[in-house]
Amino acid sequence: MVLGNPINMNKESYELQLTNDMTMMAMSGKERTIIEWKKLFKDAGFSHSKITPILGEKSVIEVFP
């Protein structure tokens, strides 16, 4: 999950976010900002990445060798 997407959050998106937060807490997940994701990918050796918001706080993340 990517934090800080500039998308207005409606009630459904807010409820989805709460559900995702509960799931992540149960599974020891971690939310990251775009900057944190890009640093993680760079540190892992990927040349570049693309993060595309799709629904509320959900995004498609692509990384390239």
PDB file of N, CA and C in Angstrom:
ATOM      1  N   MET A   1       0.840  -1.163   0.000  1.00  0.00           N
ATOM      2  CA  MET A   1       0.000   0.000   0.000  1.00  0.00           C
ATOM      3  C   MET A   1       0.891   1.233   0.000  1.00  0.00           C
ATOM      4  N   VAL A   2       0.470   2.209  -0.743  1.00  0.00           N
ATOM      5  CA  VAL A   2       1.225   3.452  -0.834  1.00  0.00           C
ATOM      6  C   VAL A   2       0.463   4.547  -0.109  1.00  0.00           C
ATOM      7  N   LEU A   3       1.125   5.210   0.807  1.00  0.00           N
ATOM      8  CA  LEU A   3       0.510   6.318   1.528  1.00  0.00           C
ATOM      9  C   LEU A   3       0.699   7.619   0.775  1.00  0.00           C
ATOM     10  N   GLY A   4      -0.211   8.535   0.966  1.00  0.00           N
ATOM     11  CA  GLY A   4      -0.035   9.870   0.432  1.00  0.00           C
ATOM     12  C   GLY A   4      -0.529  10.067  -0.984  1.00  0.00           C
ATOM     13  N   ASN A   5      -1.348   9.161  -1.504  1.00  0.00           N
ATOM     14  CA  ASN A   5      -1.915   9.374  -2.830  1.00  0.00           C
ATOM     15  C   ASN A   5      -2.861  10.567  -2.790  1.00  0.00           C
ATOM     16  N   PRO A   6      -2.759  11.469  -3.765  1.00  0.00           N
ATOM     17  CA  PRO A   6      -3.602  12.669  -3.749  1.00  0.00           C
ATOM     18  C   PRO A   6      -5.003  12.407  -4.292  1.00  0.00           C
ATOM     19  N   ILE A   7      -5.689  11.467  -3.695  1.00  0.00           N
ATOM     20  CA  ILE A   7      -7.035  11.109  -4.135  1.00  0.00           C
ATOM     21  C   ILE A   7      -8.003  11.420  -2.999  1.00  0.00           C
ATOM     22  N   ASN A   8      -9.080  12.114  -3.318  1.00  0.00           N
ATOM     23  CA  ASN A   8     -10.087  12.397  -2.290  1.00  0.00           C
ATOM     24  C   ASN A   8     -10.697  11.087  -1.824  1.00  0.00           C
ATOM     25  N   MET A   9     -10.763  10.916  -0.529  1.00  0.00           N
ATOM     26  CA  MET A   9     -11.249   9.662   0.021  1.00  0.00           C
ATOM     27  C   MET A   9     -12.729   9.779   0.370  1.00  0.00           C
ATOM     28  N   ASN A  10     -13.560   8.991  -0.310  1.00  0.00           N
ATOM     29  CA  ASN A  10     -14.978   8.956   0.020  1.00  0.00           C
ATOM     30  C   ASN A  10     -15.219   7.901   1.104  1.00  0.00           C
ATOM     31  N   LYS A  11     -16.468   7.721   1.491  1.00  0.00           N
ATOM     32  CA  LYS A  11     -16.792   6.792   2.582  1.00  0.00           C
ATOM     33  C   LYS A  11     -16.344   5.367   2.261  1.00  0.00           C
ATOM     34  N   GLU A  12     -16.599   4.912   1.034  1.00  0.00           N
ATOM     35  CA  GLU A  12     -16.212   3.550   0.662  1.00  0.00           C
ATOM     36  C   GLU A  12     -14.696   3.371   0.705  1.00  0.00           C
ATOM     37  N   SER A  13     -13.971   4.363   0.221  1.00  0.00           N
ATOM     38  CA  SER A  13     -12.509   4.287   0.250  1.00  0.00           C
ATOM     39  C   SER A  13     -11.999   4.278   1.683  1.00  0.00           C
ATOM     40  N   TYR A  14     -12.629   5.079   2.529  1.00  0.00           N
ATOM     41  CA  TYR A  14     -12.233   5.132   3.934  1.00  0.00           C
ATOM     42  C   TYR A  14     -12.460   3.775   4.602  1.00  0.00           C
ATOM     43  N   GLU A  15     -13.611   3.165   4.351  1.00  0.00           N
ATOM     44  CA  GLU A  15     -13.903   1.856   4.932  1.00  0.00           C
ATOM     45  C   GLU A  15     -12.927   0.801   4.415  1.00  0.00           C
ATOM     46  N   LEU A  16     -12.598   0.879   3.135  1.00  0.00           N
ATOM     47  CA  LEU A  16     -11.623  -0.046   2.559  1.00  0.00           C
ATOM     48  C   LEU A  16     -10.264   0.147   3.220  1.00  0.00           C
ATOM     49  N   GLN A  17      -9.887   1.396   3.435  1.00  0.00           N
ATOM     50  CA  GLN A  17      -8.611   1.688   4.098  1.00  0.00           C
ATOM     51  C   GLN A  17      -8.582   1.089   5.503  1.00  0.00           C
ATOM     52  N   LEU A  18      -9.672   1.236   6.242  1.00  0.00           N
ATOM     53  CA  LEU A  18      -9.726   0.669   7.591  1.00  0.00           C
ATOM     54  C   LEU A  18      -9.607  -0.853   7.555  1.00  0.00           C
ATOM     55  N   THR A  19     -10.280  -1.478   6.601  1.00  0.00           N
ATOM     56  CA  THR A  19     -10.195  -2.933   6.460  1.00  0.00           C
ATOM     57  C   THR A  19      -8.766  -3.354   6.132  1.00  0.00           C
ATOM     58  N   ASN A  20      -8.144  -2.633   5.219  1.00  0.00           N
ATOM     59  CA  ASN A  20      -6.754  -2.944   4.868  1.00  0.00           C
ATOM     60  C   ASN A  20      -5.823  -2.755   6.057  1.00  0.00           C
ATOM     61  N   ASP A  21      -6.048  -1.705   6.832  1.00  0.00           N
ATOM     62  CA  ASP A  21      -5.222  -1.466   8.015  1.00  0.00           C
ATOM     63  C   ASP A  21      -5.332  -2.628   9.000  1.00  0.00           C
ATOM     64  N   MET A  22      -6.547  -3.105   9.212  1.00  0.00           N
ATOM     65  CA  MET A  22      -6.746  -4.223  10.135  1.00  0.00           C
ATOM     66  C   MET A  22      -6.055  -5.486   9.612  1.00  0.00           C
ATOM     67  N   THR A  23      -6.163  -5.724   8.320  1.00  0.00           N
ATOM     68  CA  THR A  23      -5.512  -6.892   7.719  1.00  0.00           C
ATOM     69  C   THR A  23      -3.999  -6.794   7.860  1.00  0.00           C
ATOM     70  N   MET A  24      -3.465  -5.619   7.591  1.00  0.00           N
ATOM     71  CA  MET A  24      -2.014  -5.442   7.687  1.00  0.00           C
ATOM     72  C   MET A  24      -1.525  -5.602   9.121  1.00  0.00           C
ATOM     73  N   MET A  25      -2.296  -5.110  10.080  1.00  0.00           N
ATOM     74  CA  MET A  25      -1.893  -5.269  11.479  1.00  0.00           C
ATOM     75  C   MET A  25      -1.870  -6.745  11.859  1.00  0.00           C
ATOM     76  N   ALA A  26      -2.842  -7.496  11.369  1.00  0.00           N
ATOM     77  CA  ALA A  26      -2.916  -8.919  11.695  1.00  0.00           C
ATOM     78  C   ALA A  26      -1.784  -9.706  11.039  1.00  0.00           C
ATOM     79  N   MET A  27      -1.287  -9.212   9.915  1.00  0.00           N
ATOM     80  CA  MET A  27      -0.251  -9.932   9.171  1.00  0.00           C
ATOM     81  C   MET A  27       1.128  -9.287   9.318  1.00  0.00           C
ATOM     82  N   SER A  28       1.270  -8.353  10.232  1.00  0.00           N
ATOM     83  CA  SER A  28       2.540  -7.642  10.455  1.00  0.00           C
ATOM     84  C   SER A  28       3.016  -6.910   9.204  1.00  0.00           C
ATOM     85  N   GLY A  29       2.084  -6.342   8.454  1.00  0.00           N
ATOM     86  CA  GLY A  29       2.430  -5.589   7.253  1.00  0.00           C
ATOM     87  C   GLY A  29       2.918  -4.193   7.588  1.00  0.00           C
ATOM     88  N   LYS A  30       3.340  -3.474   6.557  1.00  0.00           N
ATOM     89  CA  LYS A  30       3.837  -2.121   6.758  1.00  0.00           C
ATOM     90  C   LYS A  30       3.380  -1.243   5.604  1.00  0.00           C
ATOM     91  N   GLU A  31       2.895  -0.064   5.933  1.00  0.00           N
ATOM     92  CA  GLU A  31       2.566   0.920   4.912  1.00  0.00           C
ATOM     93  C   GLU A  31       3.810   1.743   4.627  1.00  0.00           C
ATOM     94  N   ARG A  32       3.978   2.118   3.369  1.00  0.00           N
ATOM     95  CA  ARG A  32       5.140   2.916   2.981  1.00  0.00           C
ATOM     96  C   ARG A  32       4.694   4.083   2.109  1.00  0.00           C
ATOM     97  N   THR A  33       5.463   5.160   2.164  1.00  0.00           N
ATOM     98  CA  THR A  33       5.236   6.283   1.259  1.00  0.00           C
ATOM     99  C   THR A  33       5.883   5.947  -0.081  1.00  0.00           C
ATOM    100  N   ILE A  34       5.588   6.748  -1.097  1.00  0.00           N
ATOM    101  CA  ILE A  34       6.212   6.536  -2.407  1.00  0.00           C
ATOM    102  C   ILE A  34       7.733   6.624  -2.287  1.00  0.00           C
ATOM    103  N   ILE A  35       8.206   7.568  -1.522  1.00  0.00           N
ATOM    104  CA  ILE A  35       9.661   7.723  -1.341  1.00  0.00           C
ATOM    105  C   ILE A  35      10.260   6.474  -0.699  1.00  0.00           C
ATOM    106  N   GLU A  36       9.581   5.928   0.308  1.00  0.00           N
ATOM    107  CA  GLU A  36      10.081   4.711   0.962  1.00  0.00           C
ATOM    108  C   GLU A  36      10.098   3.526   0.000  1.00  0.00           C
ATOM    109  N   TRP A  37       9.037   3.392  -0.818  1.00  0.00           N
ATOM    110  CA  TRP A  37       9.006   2.310  -1.806  1.00  0.00           C
ATOM    111  C   TRP A  37      10.156   2.446  -2.792  1.00  0.00           C
ATOM    112  N   LYS A  38      10.355   3.654  -3.328  1.00  0.00           N
ATOM    113  CA  LYS A  38      11.410   3.861  -4.323  1.00  0.00           C
ATOM    114  C   LYS A  38      12.793   3.570  -3.737  1.00  0.00           C
ATOM    115  N   LYS A  39      13.020   3.953  -2.487  1.00  0.00           N
ATOM    116  CA  LYS A  39      14.297   3.653  -1.835  1.00  0.00           C
ATOM    117  C   LYS A  39      14.461   2.144  -1.662  1.00  0.00           C
ATOM    118  N   LEU A  40      13.397   1.471  -1.258  1.00  0.00           N
ATOM    119  CA  LEU A  40      13.441   0.020  -1.090  1.00  0.00           C
ATOM    120  C   LEU A  40      13.805  -0.668  -2.405  1.00  0.00           C
ATOM    121  N   PHE A  41      13.168  -0.247  -3.497  1.00  0.00           N
ATOM    122  CA  PHE A  41      13.452  -0.844  -4.805  1.00  0.00           C
ATOM    123  C   PHE A  41      14.885  -0.567  -5.244  1.00  0.00           C
ATOM    124  N   LYS A  42      15.336   0.665  -5.054  1.00  0.00           N
ATOM    125  CA  LYS A  42      16.708   1.026  -5.439  1.00  0.00           C
ATOM    126  C   LYS A  42      17.714   0.210  -4.632  1.00  0.00           C
ATOM    127  N   ASP A  43      17.477   0.110  -3.321  1.00  0.00           N
ATOM    128  CA  ASP A  43      18.372  -0.661  -2.457  1.00  0.00           C
ATOM    129  C   ASP A  43      18.382  -2.144  -2.829  1.00  0.00           C
ATOM    130  N   ALA A  44      17.271  -2.623  -3.407  1.00  0.00           N
ATOM    131  CA  ALA A  44      17.180  -4.025  -3.821  1.00  0.00           C
ATOM    132  C   ALA A  44      17.790  -4.261  -5.199  1.00  0.00           C
ATOM    133  N   GLY A  45      18.241  -3.178  -5.856  1.00  0.00           N
ATOM    134  CA  GLY A  45      18.930  -3.329  -7.128  1.00  0.00           C
ATOM    135  C   GLY A  45      18.090  -3.103  -8.373  1.00  0.00           C
ATOM    136  N   PHE A  46      16.864  -2.641  -8.220  1.00  0.00           N
ATOM    137  CA  PHE A  46      16.035  -2.366  -9.389  1.00  0.00           C
ATOM    138  C   PHE A  46      16.410  -1.010  -9.981  1.00  0.00           C
ATOM    139  N   SER A  47      16.348  -0.909 -11.311  1.00  0.00           N
ATOM    140  CA  SER A  47      16.768   0.324 -11.974  1.00  0.00           C
ATOM    141  C   SER A  47      15.728   1.435 -11.863  1.00  0.00           C
ATOM    142  N   HIS A  48      14.462   1.079 -11.962  1.00  0.00           N
ATOM    143  CA  HIS A  48      13.409   2.079 -11.793  1.00  0.00           C
ATOM    144  C   HIS A  48      12.082   1.393 -11.472  1.00  0.00           C
ATOM    145  N   SER A  49      11.116   2.217 -11.088  1.00  0.00           N
ATOM    146  CA  SER A  49       9.808   1.686 -10.705  1.00  0.00           C
ATOM    147  C   SER A  49       8.719   2.637 -11.159  1.00  0.00           C
ATOM    148  N   LYS A  50       7.504   2.115 -11.174  1.00  0.00           N
ATOM    149  CA  LYS A  50       6.337   2.917 -11.545  1.00  0.00           C
ATOM    150  C   LYS A  50       5.219   2.564 -10.570  1.00  0.00           C
ATOM    151  N   ILE A  51       4.653   3.579  -9.936  1.00  0.00           N
ATOM    152  CA  ILE A  51       3.561   3.377  -8.981  1.00  0.00           C
ATOM    153  C   ILE A  51       2.334   4.100  -9.519  1.00  0.00           C
ATOM    154  N   THR A  52       1.268   3.340  -9.774  1.00  0.00           N
ATOM    155  CA  THR A  52       0.050   3.889 -10.361  1.00  0.00           C
ATOM    156  C   THR A  52      -1.125   3.696  -9.404  1.00  0.00           C
ATOM    157  N   PRO A  53      -1.685   4.787  -8.850  1.00  0.00           N
ATOM    158  CA  PRO A  53      -2.867   4.654  -7.990  1.00  0.00           C
ATOM    159  C   PRO A  53      -4.044   4.100  -8.793  1.00  0.00           C
ATOM    160  N   ILE A  54      -4.790   3.151  -8.187  1.00  0.00           N
ATOM    161  CA  ILE A  54      -5.929   2.580  -8.907  1.00  0.00           C
ATOM    162  C   ILE A  54      -7.249   2.721  -8.161  1.00  0.00           C
ATOM    163  N   LEU A  55      -7.227   2.641  -6.823  1.00  0.00           N
ATOM    164  CA  LEU A  55      -8.466   2.722  -6.057  1.00  0.00           C
ATOM    165  C   LEU A  55      -8.142   3.146  -4.637  1.00  0.00           C
ATOM    166  N   GLY A  56      -8.591   4.326  -4.269  1.00  0.00           N
ATOM    167  CA  GLY A  56      -8.316   4.792  -2.916  1.00  0.00           C
ATOM    168  C   GLY A  56      -6.830   4.790  -2.638  1.00  0.00           C
ATOM    169  N   GLU A  57      -6.432   4.054  -1.628  1.00  0.00           N
ATOM    170  CA  GLU A  57      -5.019   3.974  -1.263  1.00  0.00           C
ATOM    171  C   GLU A  57      -4.300   2.814  -1.947  1.00  0.00           C
ATOM    172  N   LYS A  58      -5.000   2.057  -2.778  1.00  0.00           N
ATOM    173  CA  LYS A  58      -4.369   0.931  -3.473  1.00  0.00           C
ATOM    174  C   LYS A  58      -3.677   1.421  -4.737  1.00  0.00           C
ATOM    175  N   SER A  59      -2.544   0.788  -5.032  1.00  0.00           N
ATOM    176  CA  SER A  59      -1.767   1.154  -6.212  1.00  0.00           C
ATOM    177  C   SER A  59      -1.192  -0.093  -6.858  1.00  0.00           C
ATOM    178  N   VAL A  60      -0.928   0.010  -8.152  1.00  0.00           N
ATOM    179  CA  VAL A  60      -0.180  -1.021  -8.858  1.00  0.00           C
ATOM    180  C   VAL A  60       1.278  -0.575  -8.829  1.00  0.00           C
ATOM    181  N   ILE A  61       2.155  -1.471  -8.408  1.00  0.00           N
ATOM    182  CA  ILE A  61       3.577  -1.150  -8.315  1.00  0.00           C
ATOM    183  C   ILE A  61       4.331  -2.040  -9.296  1.00  0.00           C
ATOM    184  N   GLU A  62       5.069  -1.395 -10.202  1.00  0.00           N
ATOM    185  CA  GLU A  62       5.895  -2.121 -11.163  1.00  0.00           C
ATOM    186  C   GLU A  62       7.353  -1.779 -10.894  1.00  0.00           C
ATOM    187  N   VAL A  63       8.209  -2.794 -10.901  1.00  0.00           N
ATOM    188  CA  VAL A  63       9.647  -2.564 -10.749  1.00  0.00           C
ATOM    189  C   VAL A  63      10.362  -3.214 -11.924  1.00  0.00           C
ATOM    190  N   PHE A  64      11.484  -2.621 -12.303  1.00  0.00           N
ATOM    191  CA  PHE A  64      12.206  -3.060 -13.491  1.00  0.00           C
ATOM    192  C   PHE A  64      13.667  -3.308 -13.153  1.00  0.00           C
ATOM    193  N   PRO A  65      14.228  -4.381 -13.728  1.00  0.00           N
ATOM    194  CA  PRO A  65      15.643  -4.700 -13.445  1.00  0.00           C
ATOM    195  C   PRO A  65      16.593  -3.648 -13.997  1.00  0.00           C
TER     196      PRO A  65
END
